[in-house]
Amino acid sequence: MIKIDKRISKFRVDRPADAPARIGDERRPDVAELRKDGGKVIWMHEKLERPEVLIGSTYKIKTPVSDHAMYVTINDLVLNEGTEHEQRRPFEVFINSKNLDHFQWIVALTRIISAVFRKGGDVTFLVDELKAVFDPRGGYWQPGGKFMPSIIAELGYVIEKHLQTIGLMPRPEMDPHRRKMIDEKRKEYAARGKQQDAFARGHYPEGAQLCPKCSTAAVVMMDNCMTCLNCGDSKCG
């Protein structure tokens, strides 16, 4: 009996002496490596089987180029569960939609991405590869003003968001100097929008415009029409 009194950092599966070695085994590392950004790369073993229960998250993709939404489910495998080294790794992905126009490439893409997830290692390269796909017919704008070059690119953003959630990718953080400059510009814009004269002490909402009829800063947008709250004058009649 061998007593293990320290953390296991690597392991190897012994094969029978007469078993032929598979191509590429001598090039595949059996230990965890470090990425350039400091994150740990975990190589999963080829004997790893799918557990009965996996933890997953589902993301909704609604594009203006399709009448039906797409639902992306990414299931994670929990490594070292219950220990201080517990970590979630993506294991498989499923894409579901009522639109059958893209059924073939959806099935192919989910199988390829799931195979890369199960292979282990640094899977973050998938994000850049998917985000670099452009639709020859042109992209589309998301609600909020963000441009998406293609549906595949949006899938890449979904996988990036999931990897950031489970800790495999760092969340983008703004430089402190840039954040300070943006805060100053926001305060400057808010101060410029407020009235600094006697009108600011009125009983009407801040930012109300001056009424040309009663000369009171009480004109606001009501029912898609500029209306004075003091005299009731309206441009809509």
C-alpha atoms as a PDB file:
ATOM      1  CA  MET A   1       0.000   0.000   0.000  1.00  0.00           C
ATOM      2  CA  ILE A   2       1.310   3.434  -0.949  1.00  0.00           C
ATOM      3  CA  LYS A   3       0.308   6.436   1.166  1.00  0.00           C
ATOM      4  CA  ILE A   4      -0.198   9.666  -0.778  1.00  0.00           C
ATOM      5  CA  ASP A   5       0.458  12.653   1.461  1.00  0.00           C
ATOM      6  CA  LYS A   6       0.532  15.449  -1.142  1.00  0.00           C
ATOM      7  CA  ARG A   7      -1.578  16.675  -4.004  1.00  0.00           C
ATOM      8  CA  ILE A   8      -1.466  14.632  -7.217  1.00  0.00           C
ATOM      9  CA  SER A   9      -0.125  16.893  -9.980  1.00  0.00           C
ATOM     10  CA  LYS A  10       0.082  14.379 -12.824  1.00  0.00           C
ATOM     11  CA  PHE A  11      -0.872  10.840 -13.697  1.00  0.00           C
ATOM     12  CA  ARG A  12      -0.317   8.275 -16.447  1.00  0.00           C
ATOM     13  CA  VAL A  13      -2.285   5.256 -17.572  1.00  0.00           C
ATOM     14  CA  ASP A  14      -0.092   2.185 -18.083  1.00  0.00           C
ATOM     15  CA  ARG A  15      -0.896   0.108 -21.126  1.00  0.00           C
ATOM     16  CA  PRO A  16       0.007  -3.539 -21.649  1.00  0.00           C
ATOM     17  CA  ALA A  17       3.438  -4.033 -23.122  1.00  0.00           C
ATOM     18  CA  ASP A  18       2.028  -5.572 -26.302  1.00  0.00           C
ATOM     19  CA  ALA A  19      -0.506  -2.770 -26.912  1.00  0.00           C
ATOM     20  CA  PRO A  20       0.516  -0.593 -29.869  1.00  0.00           C
ATOM     21  CA  ALA A  21       1.036   3.068 -29.057  1.00  0.00           C
ATOM     22  CA  ARG A  22      -1.305   5.422 -30.847  1.00  0.00           C
ATOM     23  CA  ILE A  23      -0.019   8.138 -33.095  1.00  0.00           C
ATOM     24  CA  GLY A  24       0.466  11.412 -31.301  1.00  0.00           C
ATOM     25  CA  ASP A  25       0.760   9.979 -27.781  1.00  0.00           C
ATOM     26  CA  GLU A  26       4.384  11.044 -27.479  1.00  0.00           C
ATOM     27  CA  ARG A  27       3.444  14.642 -28.273  1.00  0.00           C
ATOM     28  CA  ARG A  28       0.529  14.929 -25.875  1.00  0.00           C
ATOM     29  CA  PRO A  29       1.478  16.182 -22.398  1.00  0.00           C
ATOM     30  CA  ASP A  30       0.097  14.363 -19.398  1.00  0.00           C
ATOM     31  CA  VAL A  31       0.486  17.263 -16.973  1.00  0.00           C
ATOM     32  CA  ALA A  32      -1.173  20.616 -16.565  1.00  0.00           C
ATOM     33  CA  GLU A  33       0.538  23.467 -18.405  1.00  0.00           C
ATOM     34  CA  LEU A  34       0.281  27.218 -18.031  1.00  0.00           C
ATOM     35  CA  ARG A  35      -1.060  29.556 -20.692  1.00  0.00           C
ATOM     36  CA  LYS A  36       0.595  32.852 -21.460  1.00  0.00           C
ATOM     37  CA  ASP A  37      -2.021  34.707 -19.404  1.00  0.00           C
ATOM     38  CA  GLY A  38      -1.301  32.548 -16.360  1.00  0.00           C
ATOM     39  CA  GLY A  39      -4.370  30.296 -16.624  1.00  0.00           C
ATOM     40  CA  LYS A  40      -3.904  26.565 -16.157  1.00  0.00           C
ATOM     41  CA  VAL A  41      -4.433  24.270 -19.147  1.00  0.00           C
ATOM     42  CA  ILE A  42      -5.937  20.924 -18.147  1.00  0.00           C
ATOM     43  CA  TRP A  43      -5.581  17.978 -20.499  1.00  0.00           C
ATOM     44  CA  MET A  44      -8.409  15.512 -20.094  1.00  0.00           C
ATOM     45  CA  HIS A  45      -7.741  11.830 -20.424  1.00  0.00           C
ATOM     46  CA  GLU A  46      -9.105   9.953 -23.421  1.00  0.00           C
ATOM     47  CA  LYS A  47     -10.766   7.430 -21.094  1.00  0.00           C
ATOM     48  CA  LEU A  48     -12.987  10.101 -19.556  1.00  0.00           C
ATOM     49  CA  GLU A  49     -16.651   9.124 -19.790  1.00  0.00           C
ATOM     50  CA  ARG A  50     -19.672  11.367 -19.610  1.00  0.00           C
ATOM     51  CA  PRO A  51     -21.155  11.524 -16.105  1.00  0.00           C
ATOM     52  CA  GLU A  52     -24.846  10.919 -15.562  1.00  0.00           C
ATOM     53  CA  VAL A  53     -25.473  14.529 -14.479  1.00  0.00           C
ATOM     54  CA  LEU A  54     -23.775  17.687 -15.756  1.00  0.00           C
ATOM     55  CA  ILE A  55     -24.152  21.323 -14.755  1.00  0.00           C
ATOM     56  CA  GLY A  56     -25.262  23.499 -17.652  1.00  0.00           C
ATOM     57  CA  SER A  57     -26.306  26.996 -18.698  1.00  0.00           C
ATOM     58  CA  THR A  58     -28.637  27.958 -21.537  1.00  0.00           C
ATOM     59  CA  TYR A  59     -28.271  31.191 -23.507  1.00  0.00           C
ATOM     60  CA  LYS A  60     -30.853  32.681 -25.845  1.00  0.00           C
ATOM     61  CA  ILE A  61     -29.805  34.160 -29.203  1.00  0.00           C
ATOM     62  CA  LYS A  62     -32.461  36.216 -30.995  1.00  0.00           C
ATOM     63  CA  THR A  63     -31.339  37.730 -34.263  1.00  0.00           C
ATOM     64  CA  PRO A  64     -33.282  40.055 -36.600  1.00  0.00           C
ATOM     65  CA  VAL A  65     -32.358  37.813 -39.541  1.00  0.00           C
ATOM     66  CA  SER A  66     -34.451  34.913 -38.226  1.00  0.00           C
ATOM     67  CA  ASP A  67     -38.001  34.650 -36.919  1.00  0.00           C
ATOM     68  CA  HIS A  68     -37.033  31.983 -34.376  1.00  0.00           C
ATOM     69  CA  ALA A  69     -34.577  32.219 -31.514  1.00  0.00           C
ATOM     70  CA  MET A  70     -31.653  29.874 -30.945  1.00  0.00           C
ATOM     71  CA  TYR A  71     -30.980  28.334 -27.534  1.00  0.00           C
ATOM     72  CA  VAL A  72     -27.375  27.416 -26.765  1.00  0.00           C
ATOM     73  CA  THR A  73     -26.800  25.008 -23.863  1.00  0.00           C
ATOM     74  CA  ILE A  74     -23.271  24.451 -22.567  1.00  0.00           C
ATOM     75  CA  ASN A  75     -22.778  21.641 -20.042  1.00  0.00           C
ATOM     76  CA  ASP A  76     -19.786  21.655 -17.704  1.00  0.00           C
ATOM     77  CA  LEU A  77     -17.778  18.906 -16.051  1.00  0.00           C
ATOM     78  CA  VAL A  78     -16.771  19.558 -12.434  1.00  0.00           C
ATOM     79  CA  LEU A  79     -13.178  18.559 -11.679  1.00  0.00           C
ATOM     80  CA  ASN A  80     -11.906  17.970  -8.128  1.00  0.00           C
ATOM     81  CA  GLU A  81     -15.427  18.388  -6.784  1.00  0.00           C
ATOM     82  CA  GLY A  82     -15.608  19.234  -3.115  1.00  0.00           C
ATOM     83  CA  THR A  83     -11.976  20.327  -2.831  1.00  0.00           C
ATOM     84  CA  GLU A  84     -10.214  23.688  -2.893  1.00  0.00           C
ATOM     85  CA  HIS A  85      -9.096  22.919  -6.459  1.00  0.00           C
ATOM     86  CA  GLU A  86     -12.641  22.512  -7.770  1.00  0.00           C
ATOM     87  CA  GLN A  87     -13.004  23.780 -11.311  1.00  0.00           C
ATOM     88  CA  ARG A  88     -15.641  23.672 -14.042  1.00  0.00           C
ATOM     89  CA  ARG A  89     -14.683  22.705 -17.569  1.00  0.00           C
ATOM     90  CA  PRO A  90     -16.961  22.858 -20.645  1.00  0.00           C
ATOM     91  CA  PHE A  91     -17.822  19.361 -21.790  1.00  0.00           C
ATOM     92  CA  GLU A  92     -20.484  19.630 -24.502  1.00  0.00           C
ATOM     93  CA  VAL A  93     -22.703  22.114 -26.300  1.00  0.00           C
ATOM     94  CA  PHE A  94     -26.190  21.852 -27.788  1.00  0.00           C
ATOM     95  CA  ILE A  95     -27.999  24.301 -30.074  1.00  0.00           C
ATOM     96  CA  ASN A  96     -31.771  24.119 -30.464  1.00  0.00           C
ATOM     97  CA  SER A  97     -34.036  26.147 -32.739  1.00  0.00           C
ATOM     98  CA  LYS A  98     -37.340  25.835 -34.571  1.00  0.00           C
ATOM     99  CA  ASN A  99     -35.657  27.114 -37.723  1.00  0.00           C
ATOM    100  CA  LEU A 100     -34.520  24.080 -39.737  1.00  0.00           C
ATOM    101  CA  ASP A 101     -32.741  26.128 -42.424  1.00  0.00           C
ATOM    102  CA  HIS A 102     -29.445  25.840 -40.544  1.00  0.00           C
ATOM    103  CA  PHE A 103     -29.955  22.320 -39.185  1.00  0.00           C
ATOM    104  CA  GLN A 104     -26.955  20.749 -40.954  1.00  0.00           C
ATOM    105  CA  TRP A 105     -24.296  23.231 -39.888  1.00  0.00           C
ATOM    106  CA  ILE A 106     -25.775  23.413 -36.388  1.00  0.00           C
ATOM    107  CA  VAL A 107     -25.351  19.652 -35.921  1.00  0.00           C
ATOM    108  CA  ALA A 108     -21.834  19.724 -37.400  1.00  0.00           C
ATOM    109  CA  LEU A 109     -20.773  22.702 -35.295  1.00  0.00           C
ATOM    110  CA  THR A 110     -22.089  21.283 -32.026  1.00  0.00           C
ATOM    111  CA  ARG A 111     -20.269  17.991 -32.593  1.00  0.00           C
ATOM    112  CA  ILE A 112     -16.981  19.683 -33.447  1.00  0.00           C
ATOM    113  CA  ILE A 113     -17.122  22.113 -30.502  1.00  0.00           C
ATOM    114  CA  SER A 114     -18.108  19.312 -28.111  1.00  0.00           C
ATOM    115  CA  ALA A 115     -15.192  17.206 -29.366  1.00  0.00           C
ATOM    116  CA  VAL A 116     -12.785  20.089 -28.720  1.00  0.00           C
ATOM    117  CA  PHE A 117     -14.227  20.565 -25.225  1.00  0.00           C
ATOM    118  CA  ARG A 118     -13.791  16.880 -24.386  1.00  0.00           C
ATOM    119  CA  LYS A 119     -10.234  16.862 -25.705  1.00  0.00           C
ATOM    120  CA  GLY A 120      -9.283  19.317 -22.994  1.00  0.00           C
ATOM    121  CA  GLY A 121      -6.408  21.746 -23.067  1.00  0.00           C
ATOM    122  CA  ASP A 122      -6.773  25.410 -23.926  1.00  0.00           C
ATOM    123  CA  VAL A 123     -10.215  25.708 -25.544  1.00  0.00           C
ATOM    124  CA  THR A 124     -10.323  29.510 -25.450  1.00  0.00           C
ATOM    125  CA  PHE A 125      -9.061  29.702 -29.043  1.00  0.00           C
ATOM    126  CA  LEU A 126     -12.567  28.725 -30.180  1.00  0.00           C
ATOM    127  CA  VAL A 127     -13.825  32.152 -29.141  1.00  0.00           C
ATOM    128  CA  ASP A 128     -11.515  34.046 -31.499  1.00  0.00           C
ATOM    129  CA  GLU A 129     -12.119  31.615 -34.339  1.00  0.00           C
ATOM    130  CA  LEU A 130     -15.917  31.895 -34.111  1.00  0.00           C
ATOM    131  CA  LYS A 131     -15.929  35.670 -33.627  1.00  0.00           C
ATOM    132  CA  ALA A 132     -13.868  36.062 -36.816  1.00  0.00           C
ATOM    133  CA  VAL A 133     -16.584  34.516 -39.047  1.00  0.00           C
ATOM    134  CA  PHE A 134     -18.390  37.108 -41.212  1.00  0.00           C
ATOM    135  CA  ASP A 135     -21.635  36.645 -43.090  1.00  0.00           C
ATOM    136  CA  PRO A 136     -21.200  37.527 -46.803  1.00  0.00           C
ATOM    137  CA  ARG A 137     -24.732  38.960 -46.769  1.00  0.00           C
ATOM    138  CA  GLY A 138     -23.788  41.344 -43.977  1.00  0.00           C
ATOM    139  CA  GLY A 139     -24.225  41.257 -40.234  1.00  0.00           C
ATOM    140  CA  TYR A 140     -26.875  42.763 -37.989  1.00  0.00           C
ATOM    141  CA  TRP A 141     -27.241  45.077 -35.011  1.00  0.00           C
ATOM    142  CA  GLN A 142     -28.141  43.790 -31.601  1.00  0.00           C
ATOM    143  CA  PRO A 143     -30.433  45.728 -29.261  1.00  0.00           C
ATOM    144  CA  GLY A 144     -28.191  48.251 -27.587  1.00  0.00           C
ATOM    145  CA  GLY A 145     -26.146  49.128 -30.670  1.00  0.00           C
ATOM    146  CA  LYS A 146     -23.644  46.244 -30.827  1.00  0.00           C
ATOM    147  CA  PHE A 147     -22.821  44.962 -34.314  1.00  0.00           C
ATOM    148  CA  MET A 148     -22.651  41.223 -34.956  1.00  0.00           C
ATOM    149  CA  PRO A 149     -20.900  40.116 -38.166  1.00  0.00           C
ATOM    150  CA  SER A 150     -22.715  36.745 -38.224  1.00  0.00           C
ATOM    151  CA  ILE A 151     -24.704  34.233 -36.200  1.00  0.00           C
ATOM    152  CA  ILE A 152     -21.530  32.164 -35.740  1.00  0.00           C
ATOM    153  CA  ALA A 153     -19.789  35.221 -34.300  1.00  0.00           C
ATOM    154  CA  GLU A 154     -22.586  35.684 -31.781  1.00  0.00           C
ATOM    155  CA  LEU A 155     -22.169  32.038 -30.810  1.00  0.00           C
ATOM    156  CA  GLY A 156     -18.505  32.849 -30.158  1.00  0.00           C
ATOM    157  CA  TYR A 157     -19.555  35.711 -27.869  1.00  0.00           C
ATOM    158  CA  VAL A 158     -21.869  33.314 -26.001  1.00  0.00           C
ATOM    159  CA  ILE A 159     -19.051  30.808 -25.451  1.00  0.00           C
ATOM    160  CA  GLU A 160     -16.769  33.649 -24.349  1.00  0.00           C
ATOM    161  CA  LYS A 161     -19.348  34.799 -21.801  1.00  0.00           C
ATOM    162  CA  HIS A 162     -19.698  31.252 -20.479  1.00  0.00           C
ATOM    163  CA  LEU A 163     -15.936  30.728 -20.170  1.00  0.00           C
ATOM    164  CA  GLN A 164     -15.686  34.014 -18.270  1.00  0.00           C
ATOM    165  CA  THR A 165     -18.470  32.879 -15.951  1.00  0.00           C
ATOM    166  CA  ILE A 166     -16.755  29.607 -15.018  1.00  0.00           C
ATOM    167  CA  GLY A 167     -13.340  31.265 -14.694  1.00  0.00           C
ATOM    168  CA  LEU A 168     -11.495  29.933 -17.754  1.00  0.00           C
ATOM    169  CA  MET A 169     -11.216  33.390 -19.311  1.00  0.00           C
ATOM    170  CA  PRO A 170     -10.582  36.686 -17.523  1.00  0.00           C
ATOM    171  CA  ARG A 171     -13.320  39.287 -17.619  1.00  0.00           C
ATOM    172  CA  PRO A 172     -12.377  42.463 -19.491  1.00  0.00           C
ATOM    173  CA  GLU A 173     -11.500  45.205 -17.060  1.00  0.00           C
ATOM    174  CA  MET A 174     -11.196  48.855 -17.987  1.00  0.00           C
ATOM    175  CA  ASP A 175      -7.955  50.689 -17.318  1.00  0.00           C
ATOM    176  CA  PRO A 176      -8.254  52.860 -14.156  1.00  0.00           C
ATOM    177  CA  HIS A 177      -7.221  56.002 -16.034  1.00  0.00           C
ATOM    178  CA  ARG A 178      -9.757  55.350 -18.780  1.00  0.00           C
ATOM    179  CA  ARG A 179     -12.467  54.628 -16.208  1.00  0.00           C
ATOM    180  CA  LYS A 180     -11.669  57.884 -14.412  1.00  0.00           C
ATOM    181  CA  MET A 181     -11.817  59.831 -17.668  1.00  0.00           C
ATOM    182  CA  ILE A 182     -15.186  58.293 -18.591  1.00  0.00           C
ATOM    183  CA  ASP A 183     -16.601  59.112 -15.155  1.00  0.00           C
ATOM    184  CA  GLU A 184     -15.460  62.708 -15.515  1.00  0.00           C
ATOM    185  CA  LYS A 185     -16.998  62.984 -18.980  1.00  0.00           C
ATOM    186  CA  ARG A 186     -20.254  61.494 -17.683  1.00  0.00           C
ATOM    187  CA  LYS A 187     -20.416  64.011 -14.843  1.00  0.00           C
ATOM    188  CA  GLU A 188     -19.588  66.832 -17.235  1.00  0.00           C
ATOM    189  CA  TYR A 189     -22.352  65.771 -19.599  1.00  0.00           C
ATOM    190  CA  ALA A 190     -24.868  65.467 -16.736  1.00  0.00           C
ATOM    191  CA  ALA A 191     -23.902  68.894 -15.413  1.00  0.00           C
ATOM    192  CA  ARG A 192     -24.210  70.429 -18.865  1.00  0.00           C
ATOM    193  CA  GLY A 193     -27.672  68.955 -19.263  1.00  0.00           C
ATOM    194  CA  LYS A 194     -28.926  70.481 -16.034  1.00  0.00           C
ATOM    195  CA  GLN A 195     -30.099  74.071 -15.885  1.00  0.00           C
ATOM    196  CA  GLN A 196     -27.914  76.233 -13.672  1.00  0.00           C
ATOM    197  CA  ASP A 197     -30.152  79.336 -13.579  1.00  0.00           C
ATOM    198  CA  ALA A 198     -33.387  80.262 -11.844  1.00  0.00           C
ATOM    199  CA  PHE A 199     -35.352  77.792 -13.959  1.00  0.00           C
ATOM    200  CA  ALA A 200     -33.673  74.927 -12.108  1.00  0.00           C
ATOM    201  CA  ARG A 201     -35.530  75.857  -8.929  1.00  0.00           C
ATOM    202  CA  GLY A 202     -38.960  75.525 -10.520  1.00  0.00           C
ATOM    203  CA  HIS A 203     -41.630  72.956  -9.699  1.00  0.00           C
ATOM    204  CA  TYR A 204     -41.315  71.182 -13.044  1.00  0.00           C
ATOM    205  CA  PRO A 205     -39.080  68.262 -14.082  1.00  0.00           C
ATOM    206  CA  GLU A 206     -35.389  68.917 -14.635  1.00  0.00           C
ATOM    207  CA  GLY A 207     -34.510  69.446 -18.245  1.00  0.00           C
ATOM    208  CA  ALA A 208     -37.888  70.922 -19.160  1.00  0.00           C
ATOM    209  CA  GLN A 209     -37.706  73.368 -22.067  1.00  0.00           C
ATOM    210  CA  LEU A 210     -38.893  76.956 -22.165  1.00  0.00           C
ATOM    211  CA  CYS A 211     -42.495  77.442 -23.294  1.00  0.00           C
ATOM    212  CA  PRO A 212     -42.794  80.085 -26.053  1.00  0.00           C
ATOM    213  CA  LYS A 213     -46.326  80.955 -24.919  1.00  0.00           C
ATOM    214  CA  CYS A 214     -46.014  81.424 -21.147  1.00  0.00           C
ATOM    215  CA  SER A 215     -42.197  81.681 -20.942  1.00  0.00           C
ATOM    216  CA  THR A 216     -42.016  78.958 -18.298  1.00  0.00           C
ATOM    217  CA  ALA A 217     -39.513  76.097 -18.284  1.00  0.00           C
ATOM    218  CA  ALA A 218     -42.248  73.478 -18.237  1.00  0.00           C
ATOM    219  CA  VAL A 219     -42.282  71.918 -21.726  1.00  0.00           C
ATOM    220  CA  VAL A 220     -41.773  68.134 -21.657  1.00  0.00           C
ATOM    221  CA  MET A 221     -42.481  65.227 -23.978  1.00  0.00           C
ATOM    222  CA  MET A 222     -45.913  63.748 -23.308  1.00  0.00           C
ATOM    223  CA  ASP A 223     -47.580  61.181 -25.586  1.00  0.00           C
ATOM    224  CA  ASN A 224     -44.959  61.839 -28.274  1.00  0.00           C
ATOM    225  CA  CYS A 225     -45.766  65.558 -28.231  1.00  0.00           C
ATOM    226  CA  MET A 226     -44.027  68.539 -26.605  1.00  0.00           C
ATOM    227  CA  THR A 227     -46.533  69.858 -24.018  1.00  0.00           C
ATOM    228  CA  CYS A 228     -46.266  72.682 -21.498  1.00  0.00           C
ATOM    229  CA  LEU A 229     -47.163  71.627 -17.975  1.00  0.00           C
ATOM    230  CA  ASN A 230     -47.894  75.206 -16.968  1.00  0.00           C
ATOM    231  CA  CYS A 231     -50.294  76.533 -19.632  1.00  0.00           C
ATOM    232  CA  GLY A 232     -51.119  73.332 -21.510  1.00  0.00           C
ATOM    233  CA  ASP A 233     -49.768  74.594 -24.839  1.00  0.00           C
ATOM    234  CA  SER A 234     -49.015  71.734 -27.213  1.00  0.00           C
ATOM    235  CA  LYS A 235     -47.462  71.515 -30.646  1.00  0.00           C
ATOM    236  CA  CYS A 236     -49.968  68.820 -31.542  1.00  0.00           C
ATOM    237  CA  GLY A 237     -52.899  71.236 -31.163  1.00  0.00           C
END
